[in-house]
C-alpha atoms as a PDB file:
ATOM      1  CA  MET A   1       1.628 -43.327  30.703  1.00  0.00           C
ATOM      2  CA  GLU A   2      -1.645 -45.145  30.143  1.00  0.00           C
ATOM      3  CA  SER A   3      -3.626 -41.906  30.594  1.00  0.00           C
ATOM      4  CA  GLY A   4      -1.406 -40.275  27.844  1.00  0.00           C
ATOM      5  CA  LYS A   5      -2.205 -43.074  25.611  1.00  0.00           C
ATOM      6  CA  LYS A   6      -6.027 -42.900  26.348  1.00  0.00           C
ATOM      7  CA  PHE A   7      -5.963 -39.009  25.686  1.00  0.00           C
ATOM      8  CA  THR A   8      -4.063 -39.590  22.208  1.00  0.00           C
ATOM      9  CA  ARG A   9      -6.761 -42.308  21.299  1.00  0.00           C
ATOM     10  CA  PHE A  10      -9.499 -39.707  22.137  1.00  0.00           C
ATOM     11  CA  LEU A  11      -8.067 -37.008  20.118  1.00  0.00           C
ATOM     12  CA  ASN A  12      -7.851 -39.304  17.263  1.00  0.00           C
ATOM     13  CA  SER A  13     -11.262 -40.227  17.657  1.00  0.00           C
ATOM     14  CA  ASP A  14     -14.363 -38.464  15.976  1.00  0.00           C
ATOM     15  CA  LYS A  15     -15.235 -36.889  19.333  1.00  0.00           C
ATOM     16  CA  GLY A  16     -11.517 -35.604  19.755  1.00  0.00           C
ATOM     17  CA  LEU A  17     -11.542 -34.304  16.256  1.00  0.00           C
ATOM     18  CA  SER A  18     -14.902 -32.466  16.846  1.00  0.00           C
ATOM     19  CA  LEU A  19     -13.625 -31.026  20.119  1.00  0.00           C
ATOM     20  CA  LEU A  20     -10.557 -29.603  18.214  1.00  0.00           C
ATOM     21  CA  CYS A  21     -12.912 -27.864  15.802  1.00  0.00           C
ATOM     22  CA  MET A  22     -14.783 -26.061  18.753  1.00  0.00           C
ATOM     23  CA  PRO A  23     -12.358 -22.912  18.869  1.00  0.00           C
ATOM     24  CA  ALA A  24     -12.610 -22.201  15.266  1.00  0.00           C
ATOM     25  CA  LEU A  25     -16.383 -22.906  15.222  1.00  0.00           C
ATOM     26  CA  ALA A  26     -16.768 -20.544  18.111  1.00  0.00           C
ATOM     27  CA  LEU A  27     -14.606 -17.782  16.257  1.00  0.00           C
ATOM     28  CA  MET A  28     -16.650 -18.262  13.245  1.00  0.00           C
ATOM     29  CA  ILE A  29     -19.975 -17.694  15.161  1.00  0.00           C
ATOM     30  CA  PHE A  30     -18.677 -14.702  17.061  1.00  0.00           C
ATOM     31  CA  PHE A  31     -17.096 -13.027  14.118  1.00  0.00           C
ATOM     32  CA  VAL A  32     -19.265 -14.187  11.214  1.00  0.00           C
ATOM     33  CA  LEU A  33     -22.548 -15.432  12.133  1.00  0.00           C
ATOM     34  CA  PHE A  34     -23.529 -13.121  15.016  1.00  0.00           C
ATOM     35  CA  PRO A  35     -22.522  -9.925  12.864  1.00  0.00           C
ATOM     36  CA  LEU A  36     -24.576 -11.200  10.057  1.00  0.00           C
ATOM     37  CA  LEU A  37     -27.676 -11.819  11.917  1.00  0.00           C
ATOM     38  CA  GLN A  38     -27.205  -8.486  13.721  1.00  0.00           C
ATOM     39  CA  GLY A  39     -26.822  -6.927  10.124  1.00  0.00           C
ATOM     40  CA  ILE A  40     -30.060  -8.540   8.952  1.00  0.00           C
ATOM     41  CA  GLN A  41     -31.871  -7.171  12.146  1.00  0.00           C
ATOM     42  CA  ILE A  42     -30.480  -3.518  11.444  1.00  0.00           C
ATOM     43  CA  SER A  43     -31.679  -3.806   7.896  1.00  0.00           C
ATOM     44  CA  LEU A  44     -35.255  -4.079   8.977  1.00  0.00           C
ATOM     45  CA  THR A  45     -35.150  -0.751  10.882  1.00  0.00           C
ATOM     46  CA  ASN A  46     -34.847   3.042  10.129  1.00  0.00           C
ATOM     47  CA  TRP A  47     -31.883   3.360  12.282  1.00  0.00           C
ATOM     48  CA  ASN A  48     -29.517   6.333  11.524  1.00  0.00           C
ATOM     49  CA  GLY A  49     -26.547   4.583  13.042  1.00  0.00           C
ATOM     50  CA  TYR A  50     -26.347   7.072  16.007  1.00  0.00           C
ATOM     51  CA  SER A  51     -29.511   7.432  17.869  1.00  0.00           C
ATOM     52  CA  GLN A  52     -30.743   5.282  20.542  1.00  0.00           C
ATOM     53  CA  LYS A  53     -34.344   5.115  19.022  1.00  0.00           C
ATOM     54  CA  TYR A  54     -35.270   3.410  15.885  1.00  0.00           C
ATOM     55  CA  SER A  55     -38.399   1.390  14.544  1.00  0.00           C
ATOM     56  CA  TYR A  56     -38.706  -1.797  12.591  1.00  0.00           C
ATOM     57  CA  ILE A  57     -40.034  -1.121   9.154  1.00  0.00           C
ATOM     58  CA  GLY A  58     -39.932  -4.648   7.733  1.00  0.00           C
ATOM     59  CA  ILE A  59     -38.676  -4.948   4.111  1.00  0.00           C
ATOM     60  CA  GLU A  60     -39.012  -1.313   3.048  1.00  0.00           C
ATOM     61  CA  ASN A  61     -35.230  -1.085   2.858  1.00  0.00           C
ATOM     62  CA  TYR A  62     -35.056  -4.096   0.457  1.00  0.00           C
ATOM     63  CA  LYS A  63     -37.893  -2.510  -1.563  1.00  0.00           C
ATOM     64  CA  ARG A  64     -35.776   0.660  -2.074  1.00  0.00           C
ATOM     65  CA  LEU A  65     -33.139  -1.309  -3.630  1.00  0.00           C
ATOM     66  CA  PHE A  66     -35.078  -2.032  -6.609  1.00  0.00           C
ATOM     67  CA  THR A  67     -35.890   1.634  -7.220  1.00  0.00           C
ATOM     68  CA  ASP A  68     -32.480   3.100  -6.204  1.00  0.00           C
ATOM     69  CA  ASP A  69     -30.399   4.039  -9.551  1.00  0.00           C
ATOM     70  CA  MET A  70     -27.368   4.658  -6.959  1.00  0.00           C
ATOM     71  CA  PHE A  71     -27.534   0.965  -5.985  1.00  0.00           C
ATOM     72  CA  TYR A  72     -28.002  -0.361  -9.613  1.00  0.00           C
ATOM     73  CA  THR A  73     -24.918   1.744 -10.528  1.00  0.00           C
ATOM     74  CA  ALA A  74     -23.025   0.491  -7.791  1.00  0.00           C
ATOM     75  CA  PHE A  75     -23.982  -3.036  -8.352  1.00  0.00           C
ATOM     76  CA  LYS A  76     -22.930  -2.671 -11.959  1.00  0.00           C
ATOM     77  CA  ASN A  77     -19.526  -1.390 -11.142  1.00  0.00           C
ATOM     78  CA  THR A  78     -19.096  -4.069  -8.481  1.00  0.00           C
ATOM     79  CA  LEU A  79     -19.666  -6.613 -11.226  1.00  0.00           C
ATOM     80  CA  ILE A  80     -17.075  -4.944 -13.439  1.00  0.00           C
ATOM     81  CA  TYR A  81     -14.657  -4.728 -10.570  1.00  0.00           C
ATOM     82  CA  GLY A  82     -14.995  -8.278  -9.613  1.00  0.00           C
ATOM     83  CA  ILE A  83     -14.967  -9.881 -13.156  1.00  0.00           C
ATOM     84  CA  GLY A  84     -12.386  -7.442 -14.651  1.00  0.00           C
ATOM     85  CA  SER A  85      -9.933  -7.803 -11.738  1.00  0.00           C
ATOM     86  CA  ALA A  86     -10.464 -11.436 -11.615  1.00  0.00           C
ATOM     87  CA  GLY A  87      -9.516 -11.932 -15.224  1.00  0.00           C
ATOM     88  CA  ILE A  88      -6.497  -9.295 -15.212  1.00  0.00           C
ATOM     89  CA  GLN A  89      -5.183 -11.319 -12.385  1.00  0.00           C
ATOM     90  CA  THR A  90      -5.760 -14.639 -13.506  1.00  0.00           C
ATOM     91  CA  ILE A  91      -4.269 -14.175 -17.012  1.00  0.00           C
ATOM     92  CA  LEU A  92      -1.277 -12.120 -15.870  1.00  0.00           C
ATOM     93  CA  GLY A  93      -0.863 -14.434 -12.872  1.00  0.00           C
ATOM     94  CA  LEU A  94      -0.658 -17.605 -15.068  1.00  0.00           C
ATOM     95  CA  ALA A  95       1.762 -15.794 -17.514  1.00  0.00           C
ATOM     96  CA  TYR A  96       4.145 -14.586 -14.874  1.00  0.00           C
ATOM     97  CA  ALA A  97       4.112 -18.131 -13.382  1.00  0.00           C
ATOM     98  CA  LEU A  98       4.794 -19.882 -16.737  1.00  0.00           C
ATOM     99  CA  LEU A  99       7.522 -17.257 -17.516  1.00  0.00           C
ATOM    100  CA  LEU A 100       9.134 -17.399 -14.003  1.00  0.00           C
ATOM    101  CA  GLN A 101       9.352 -21.228 -14.172  1.00  0.00           C
ATOM    102  CA  LYS A 102      12.497 -21.043 -16.239  1.00  0.00           C
ATOM    103  CA  ASN A 103      15.767 -20.634 -14.436  1.00  0.00           C
ATOM    104  CA  PHE A 104      17.598 -17.313 -15.089  1.00  0.00           C
ATOM    105  CA  LEU A 105      19.607 -14.749 -13.146  1.00  0.00           C
ATOM    106  CA  GLY A 106      17.210 -12.472 -11.042  1.00  0.00           C
ATOM    107  CA  ARG A 107      14.126 -14.957 -11.162  1.00  0.00           C
ATOM    108  CA  ASN A 108      13.639 -14.657  -7.337  1.00  0.00           C
ATOM    109  CA  PHE A 109      14.167 -10.927  -7.368  1.00  0.00           C
ATOM    110  CA  THR A 110      11.479 -10.673 -10.234  1.00  0.00           C
ATOM    111  CA  ARG A 111       9.015 -12.840  -8.406  1.00  0.00           C
ATOM    112  CA  THR A 112       9.559 -10.601  -5.218  1.00  0.00           C
ATOM    113  CA  VAL A 113       9.068  -7.310  -7.111  1.00  0.00           C
ATOM    114  CA  ILE A 114       5.770  -8.596  -8.675  1.00  0.00           C
ATOM    115  CA  TYR A 115       4.710  -9.694  -5.058  1.00  0.00           C
ATOM    116  CA  ILE A 116       5.533  -6.545  -3.204  1.00  0.00           C
ATOM    117  CA  PRO A 117       2.221  -4.752  -4.009  1.00  0.00           C
ATOM    118  CA  VAL A 118       0.186  -7.473  -2.539  1.00  0.00           C
ATOM    119  CA  MET A 119       1.808  -6.492   0.959  1.00  0.00           C
ATOM    120  CA  VAL A 120       0.821  -2.847   0.401  1.00  0.00           C
ATOM    121  CA  SER A 121      -2.683  -1.717   1.880  1.00  0.00           C
ATOM    122  CA  SER A 122      -5.121  -1.074  -0.855  1.00  0.00           C
ATOM    123  CA  LEU A 123      -5.709   2.485   0.417  1.00  0.00           C
ATOM    124  CA  VAL A 124      -2.116   3.298   0.513  1.00  0.00           C
ATOM    125  CA  SER A 125      -1.721   1.750  -3.013  1.00  0.00           C
ATOM    126  CA  GLY A 126      -4.549   3.788  -4.181  1.00  0.00           C
ATOM    127  CA  TYR A 127      -2.956   7.078  -2.952  1.00  0.00           C
ATOM    128  CA  ILE A 128       0.255   6.089  -4.733  1.00  0.00           C
ATOM    129  CA  TRP A 129      -1.512   5.596  -8.006  1.00  0.00           C
ATOM    130  CA  TYR A 130      -3.445   8.780  -7.457  1.00  0.00           C
ATOM    131  CA  PHE A 131      -0.121  10.757  -7.998  1.00  0.00           C
ATOM    132  CA  MET A 132      -0.078   8.911 -11.397  1.00  0.00           C
ATOM    133  CA  VAL A 133      -3.463   9.821 -12.742  1.00  0.00           C
ATOM    134  CA  GLN A 134      -4.324  13.124 -10.986  1.00  0.00           C
ATOM    135  CA  TYR A 135      -5.207  16.258 -13.173  1.00  0.00           C
ATOM    136  CA  ASP A 136      -2.399  18.500 -11.840  1.00  0.00           C
ATOM    137  CA  ARG A 137       1.112  17.261 -11.940  1.00  0.00           C
ATOM    138  CA  GLY A 138       0.179  13.588 -12.323  1.00  0.00           C
ATOM    139  CA  ALA A 139       2.894  11.636 -14.027  1.00  0.00           C
ATOM    140  CA  LEU A 140       0.514  10.537 -16.992  1.00  0.00           C
ATOM    141  CA  ASN A 141      -0.532  14.117 -17.773  1.00  0.00           C
ATOM    142  CA  ASP A 142       3.077  15.170 -17.485  1.00  0.00           C
ATOM    143  CA  ILE A 143       4.209  12.633 -20.069  1.00  0.00           C
ATOM    144  CA  LEU A 144       1.334  13.786 -22.272  1.00  0.00           C
ATOM    145  CA  GLN A 145       2.176  17.214 -22.005  1.00  0.00           C
ATOM    146  CA  LEU A 146       5.869  16.337 -22.643  1.00  0.00           C
ATOM    147  CA  PHE A 147       4.580  15.069 -26.252  1.00  0.00           C
ATOM    148  CA  GLY A 148       2.402  18.121 -26.917  1.00  0.00           C
ATOM    149  CA  PHE A 149      -0.889  16.820 -25.906  1.00  0.00           C
ATOM    150  CA  ASP A 150      -3.478  18.286 -23.593  1.00  0.00           C
ATOM    151  CA  LYS A 151      -3.910  17.094 -20.132  1.00  0.00           C
ATOM    152  CA  ILE A 152      -6.828  14.663 -19.234  1.00  0.00           C
ATOM    153  CA  ASP A 153      -9.070  14.384 -16.141  1.00  0.00           C
ATOM    154  CA  TRP A 154      -8.663  10.706 -15.830  1.00  0.00           C
ATOM    155  CA  MET A 155     -11.164  10.309 -13.017  1.00  0.00           C
ATOM    156  CA  ALA A 156     -13.887  12.721 -14.255  1.00  0.00           C
ATOM    157  CA  ASN A 157     -15.680  10.140 -16.397  1.00  0.00           C
ATOM    158  CA  GLY A 158     -17.322   7.393 -14.525  1.00  0.00           C
ATOM    159  CA  LEU A 159     -16.859   4.643 -16.857  1.00  0.00           C
ATOM    160  CA  ARG A 160     -13.109   5.569 -17.461  1.00  0.00           C
ATOM    161  CA  ALA A 161     -12.762   5.698 -13.685  1.00  0.00           C
ATOM    162  CA  VAL A 162     -14.263   2.438 -13.037  1.00  0.00           C
ATOM    163  CA  LEU A 163     -11.986   0.769 -15.801  1.00  0.00           C
ATOM    164  CA  ILE A 164      -8.872   2.513 -14.400  1.00  0.00           C
ATOM    165  CA  ILE A 165      -9.651   1.203 -10.845  1.00  0.00           C
ATOM    166  CA  THR A 166     -10.349  -2.182 -12.083  1.00  0.00           C
ATOM    167  CA  PHE A 167      -6.891  -2.192 -14.043  1.00  0.00           C
ATOM    168  CA  ILE A 168      -4.989  -0.937 -11.084  1.00  0.00           C
ATOM    169  CA  ASN A 169      -6.665  -3.545  -8.788  1.00  0.00           C
ATOM    170  CA  GLY A 170      -5.918  -6.417 -11.223  1.00  0.00           C
ATOM    171  CA  ILE A 171      -2.315  -5.560 -11.512  1.00  0.00           C
ATOM    172  CA  ASN A 172      -1.730  -4.820  -7.849  1.00  0.00           C
ATOM    173  CA  TYR A 173      -2.729  -8.188  -6.642  1.00  0.00           C
ATOM    174  CA  VAL A 174      -1.349 -10.318  -9.596  1.00  0.00           C
ATOM    175  CA  GLY A 175       1.608 -11.513  -7.396  1.00  0.00           C
ATOM    176  CA  LYS A 176      -0.913 -13.415  -5.142  1.00  0.00           C
ATOM    177  CA  THR A 177      -2.239 -15.079  -8.166  1.00  0.00           C
ATOM    178  CA  MET A 178       1.344 -15.958  -9.586  1.00  0.00           C
ATOM    179  CA  ILE A 179       2.188 -17.680  -6.455  1.00  0.00           C
ATOM    180  CA  ILE A 180      -0.627 -19.937  -6.393  1.00  0.00           C
ATOM    181  CA  PHE A 181      -0.086 -20.966  -9.919  1.00  0.00           C
ATOM    182  CA  THR A 182       3.818 -21.287  -9.345  1.00  0.00           C
ATOM    183  CA  ALA A 183       2.959 -23.827  -6.561  1.00  0.00           C
ATOM    184  CA  GLY A 184       0.393 -25.717  -8.985  1.00  0.00           C
ATOM    185  CA  LEU A 185       3.216 -25.822 -11.784  1.00  0.00           C
ATOM    186  CA  ASN A 186       5.914 -27.034  -9.199  1.00  0.00           C
ATOM    187  CA  ALA A 187       3.402 -29.969  -8.429  1.00  0.00           C
ATOM    188  CA  ILE A 188       3.067 -31.330 -11.844  1.00  0.00           C
ATOM    189  CA  PRO A 189       5.447 -34.426 -12.251  1.00  0.00           C
ATOM    190  CA  ALA A 190       7.996 -33.834 -15.140  1.00  0.00           C
ATOM    191  CA  ASP A 191       7.343 -37.171 -16.254  1.00  0.00           C
ATOM    192  CA  TYR A 192       4.099 -36.095 -17.890  1.00  0.00           C
ATOM    193  CA  TYR A 193       5.974 -33.675 -20.148  1.00  0.00           C
ATOM    194  CA  GLU A 194       8.587 -36.212 -20.980  1.00  0.00           C
ATOM    195  CA  ALA A 195       5.885 -38.884 -21.911  1.00  0.00           C
ATOM    196  CA  ALA A 196       4.228 -36.130 -24.030  1.00  0.00           C
ATOM    197  CA  ALA A 197       7.327 -35.075 -25.774  1.00  0.00           C
ATOM    198  CA  LEU A 198       8.032 -38.724 -26.672  1.00  0.00           C
ATOM    199  CA  ASP A 199       4.542 -38.902 -28.285  1.00  0.00           C
ATOM    200  CA  GLY A 200       5.424 -36.013 -30.408  1.00  0.00           C
ATOM    201  CA  ALA A 201       3.306 -33.387 -28.418  1.00  0.00           C
ATOM    202  CA  GLY A 202       4.179 -29.831 -29.014  1.00  0.00           C
ATOM    203  CA  LYS A 203       4.504 -26.944 -26.269  1.00  0.00           C
ATOM    204  CA  TRP A 204       0.864 -25.885 -26.736  1.00  0.00           C
ATOM    205  CA  THR A 205      -0.578 -29.394 -27.042  1.00  0.00           C
ATOM    206  CA  SER A 206       1.266 -30.177 -23.548  1.00  0.00           C
ATOM    207  CA  PHE A 207      -0.076 -26.896 -22.104  1.00  0.00           C
ATOM    208  CA  GLN A 208      -3.519 -27.678 -23.144  1.00  0.00           C
ATOM    209  CA  TYR A 209      -3.769 -31.197 -22.066  1.00  0.00           C
ATOM    210  CA  ILE A 210      -1.301 -31.281 -19.142  1.00  0.00           C
ATOM    211  CA  THR A 211      -0.702 -27.946 -17.634  1.00  0.00           C
ATOM    212  CA  VAL A 212      -4.329 -26.595 -17.605  1.00  0.00           C
ATOM    213  CA  PRO A 213      -5.935 -29.859 -16.201  1.00  0.00           C
ATOM    214  CA  GLN A 214      -3.248 -30.092 -13.543  1.00  0.00           C
ATOM    215  CA  LEU A 215      -3.626 -26.443 -12.582  1.00  0.00           C
ATOM    216  CA  LEU A 216      -7.497 -26.595 -12.411  1.00  0.00           C
ATOM    217  CA  PRO A 217      -7.286 -26.556  -8.573  1.00  0.00           C
ATOM    218  CA  ALA A 218      -5.191 -23.482  -8.743  1.00  0.00           C
ATOM    219  CA  PHE A 219      -7.487 -21.918 -11.095  1.00  0.00           C
ATOM    220  CA  THR A 220     -10.508 -22.631  -8.788  1.00  0.00           C
ATOM    221  CA  THR A 221      -8.633 -20.893  -5.822  1.00  0.00           C
ATOM    222  CA  ASN A 222      -7.473 -17.900  -7.900  1.00  0.00           C
ATOM    223  CA  ILE A 223     -10.675 -17.158  -9.656  1.00  0.00           C
ATOM    224  CA  ILE A 224     -12.693 -17.261  -6.579  1.00  0.00           C
ATOM    225  CA  LEU A 225     -10.232 -15.432  -4.262  1.00  0.00           C
ATOM    226  CA  ASN A 226      -9.774 -12.626  -6.935  1.00  0.00           C
ATOM    227  CA  LEU A 227     -13.554 -12.467  -7.936  1.00  0.00           C
ATOM    228  CA  ILE A 228     -14.355 -11.902  -3.957  1.00  0.00           C
ATOM    229  CA  GLY A 229     -11.425  -9.491  -3.792  1.00  0.00           C
ATOM    230  CA  GLY A 230     -12.789  -7.533  -6.668  1.00  0.00           C
ATOM    231  CA  LEU A 231     -16.389  -7.660  -5.507  1.00  0.00           C
ATOM    232  CA  LYS A 232     -15.405  -6.399  -1.985  1.00  0.00           C
ATOM    233  CA  LEU A 233     -13.292  -3.506  -3.693  1.00  0.00           C
ATOM    234  CA  TYR A 234     -13.134  -0.408  -1.188  1.00  0.00           C
ATOM    235  CA  GLY A 235      -9.733   1.103  -0.554  1.00  0.00           C
ATOM    236  CA  LEU A 236      -8.695   1.944  -4.059  1.00  0.00           C
ATOM    237  CA  ILE A 237     -12.110   3.385  -4.783  1.00  0.00           C
ATOM    238  CA  ILE A 238     -11.892   5.645  -2.003  1.00  0.00           C
ATOM    239  CA  SER A 239      -8.374   6.769  -2.420  1.00  0.00           C
ATOM    240  CA  LEU A 240      -8.569   7.182  -6.157  1.00  0.00           C
ATOM    241  CA  SER A 241     -12.193   8.616  -6.991  1.00  0.00           C
ATOM    242  CA  GLY A 242     -14.115   8.710  -3.613  1.00  0.00           C
ATOM    243  CA  GLY A 243     -16.968   7.156  -5.832  1.00  0.00           C
ATOM    244  CA  GLY A 244     -17.222   9.923  -7.915  1.00  0.00           C
ATOM    245  CA  PRO A 245     -17.803  11.665 -10.148  1.00  0.00           C
ATOM    246  CA  GLY A 246     -21.064  11.868  -8.375  1.00  0.00           C
ATOM    247  CA  TYR A 247     -21.713   8.293  -7.517  1.00  0.00           C
ATOM    248  CA  ALA A 248     -20.449   6.922 -10.830  1.00  0.00           C
ATOM    249  CA  SER A 249     -17.892   4.835  -9.398  1.00  0.00           C
ATOM    250  CA  HIS A 250     -19.123   3.650  -6.201  1.00  0.00           C
ATOM    251  CA  SER A 251     -18.989  -0.193  -5.497  1.00  0.00           C
ATOM    252  CA  LEU A 252     -21.465  -1.928  -3.146  1.00  0.00           C
ATOM    253  CA  GLN A 253     -18.888  -1.672  -0.316  1.00  0.00           C
ATOM    254  CA  THR A 254     -18.237   2.048  -0.848  1.00  0.00           C
ATOM    255  CA  LEU A 255     -22.045   2.701  -1.483  1.00  0.00           C
ATOM    256  CA  ILE A 256     -22.522   1.079   2.359  1.00  0.00           C
ATOM    257  CA  ASN A 257     -20.010   3.418   3.658  1.00  0.00           C
ATOM    258  CA  HIS A 258     -21.546   6.367   1.898  1.00  0.00           C
ATOM    259  CA  MET A 259     -25.084   5.523   3.183  1.00  0.00           C
ATOM    260  CA  TYR A 260     -24.093   4.984   6.712  1.00  0.00           C
ATOM    261  CA  PHE A 261     -21.674   7.866   7.406  1.00  0.00           C
ATOM    262  CA  SER A 262     -22.986  10.493   4.708  1.00  0.00           C
ATOM    263  CA  ASN A 263     -26.481   9.807   4.445  1.00  0.00           C
ATOM    264  CA  GLN A 264     -26.838   8.452   8.177  1.00  0.00           C
ATOM    265  CA  ASN A 265     -28.956   5.643   7.043  1.00  0.00           C
ATOM    266  CA  ALA A 266     -27.692   2.553   8.836  1.00  0.00           C
ATOM    267  CA  GLY A 267     -30.844   0.426   8.079  1.00  0.00           C
ATOM    268  CA  TYR A 268     -30.551   0.894   4.416  1.00  0.00           C
ATOM    269  CA  ALA A 269     -26.692   0.481   4.443  1.00  0.00           C
ATOM    270  CA  ALA A 270     -27.278  -2.920   6.300  1.00  0.00           C
ATOM    271  CA  ALA A 271     -29.839  -3.885   3.754  1.00  0.00           C
ATOM    272  CA  ILE A 272     -27.210  -3.233   0.971  1.00  0.00           C
ATOM    273  CA  GLY A 273     -24.545  -5.262   3.115  1.00  0.00           C
ATOM    274  CA  VAL A 274     -26.849  -8.241   3.433  1.00  0.00           C
ATOM    275  CA  VAL A 275     -27.516  -8.413  -0.458  1.00  0.00           C
ATOM    276  CA  THR A 276     -23.972  -7.941  -0.959  1.00  0.00           C
ATOM    277  CA  PHE A 277     -23.143 -10.970   1.241  1.00  0.00           C
ATOM    278  CA  ILE A 278     -25.698 -12.977  -0.663  1.00  0.00           C
ATOM    279  CA  PHE A 279     -24.499 -11.991  -3.956  1.00  0.00           C
ATOM    280  CA  ILE A 280     -20.931 -12.762  -3.336  1.00  0.00           C
ATOM    281  CA  MET A 281     -21.611 -16.197  -1.603  1.00  0.00           C
ATOM    282  CA  PHE A 282     -23.892 -17.048  -4.826  1.00  0.00           C
ATOM    283  CA  ILE A 283     -21.250 -16.046  -7.371  1.00  0.00           C
ATOM    284  CA  SER A 284     -18.515 -18.091  -5.549  1.00  0.00           C
ATOM    285  CA  ILE A 285     -20.806 -21.185  -5.368  1.00  0.00           C
ATOM    286  CA  VAL A 286     -21.494 -20.824  -9.026  1.00  0.00           C
ATOM    287  CA  VAL A 287     -18.005 -20.393 -10.190  1.00  0.00           C
ATOM    288  CA  LYS A 288     -16.777 -23.130  -8.011  1.00  0.00           C
ATOM    289  CA  GLY A 289     -19.202 -25.442  -9.364  1.00  0.00           C
ATOM    290  CA  ALA A 290     -18.684 -24.398 -13.135  1.00  0.00           C
ATOM    291  CA  ILE A 291     -14.895 -25.092 -12.490  1.00  0.00           C
ATOM    292  CA  GLU A 292     -15.276 -28.361 -10.802  1.00  0.00           C
ATOM    293  CA  LYS A 293     -17.775 -29.507 -13.632  1.00  0.00           C
ATOM    294  CA  ARG A 294     -14.936 -28.577 -16.228  1.00  0.00           C
ATOM    295  CA  ALA A 295     -12.508 -30.504 -13.935  1.00  0.00           C
ATOM    296  CA  GLY A 296     -14.695 -33.481 -13.978  1.00  0.00           C
ATOM    297  CA  GLU A 297     -14.934 -33.458 -17.874  1.00  0.00           C
ATOM    298  CA  TYR A 298     -11.066 -33.346 -18.138  1.00  0.00           C
ATOM    299  CA  ASN A 299     -10.827 -36.340 -15.800  1.00  0.00           C
END
C-alpha cells in the first residue's frame, strides 16, 4: 500500500511527469528528427535515389533552387494552395458552424454530410472530382453542352487548374473546420449574449465583440491546420492534373515526387523537402503569432 502511494507521488512529481513524456519524445525523435537530419544529409549529395554510390556536393542543390523556374512555379502554386484553401475553409467553416447552431430537423444529418469528405482520401476524392472536370464525358462539360455551349478542357490551363484544385481542396475539408468552430461556439456562455441584448446590442455587434473574440483560439487552430494542409497538398494534384499541363500546377510536394522518381535526383528532391519544411514552419509561427497578438488586443 505504501509503495503504491510512493509510486503515485513519484508520477505526480516533475521527474515522474518527465518520464511519462519519454515515449512521445522517443517517437518524435525516431519519426521526425531523425528523418529530417537524414533528409538534410541527402540534400548535400548528388544521390539518384537508387545507386549505392553518391558524392557530397555541398550546397549546390540549394543554389540550384534559386535558378529553377520549376521550383518558383511550384512555390507560387503552393502559396495559392495554402492561402486559398485556408481562406475557403475558414470562411465556409465558420458560416456552416453559425448556421447549424440553430435547432432544426436534419441538423445532425447536414453536419454529417458536410463532414464526410474529410474521411475520404484526398487521392480518391481527386479521382471522384476528375469525373466532374474531365474533358470527355465530364459532368461539367455535359451540362455546358446541354445548354448549347462548347466543352472546356478545364485542366489544360495552368492557372485555372491551380484555382480549381484550390477550390476543391477548400470545400473537401471544410467539415473539419466546421467541427472546430462548432466546439468553440458551444463553449461561449449564453450569458454574454443575454447581457449584450439587454444593452441593446444587435446580432452583428454581438458577433463582432463576443463571437469573434471568443472564437480566436478556434481561428488559430483552423487557420494553421488549413494552411499547413494546403501547403502540403499532394493527392488532389496527382489525381486531377498530375502537376500539368507541363509543370504548371505542381506544388512543392508533387515537385519532390517528380524530382525523385521521374528525374532520379533524390539529392535535389531532399533539398526541396528541407526548404518546404522550413517554409511551412516559418509560416505557421508567423500566423500563430499574428493571431495571438490580435487576441491580446481584444483582451
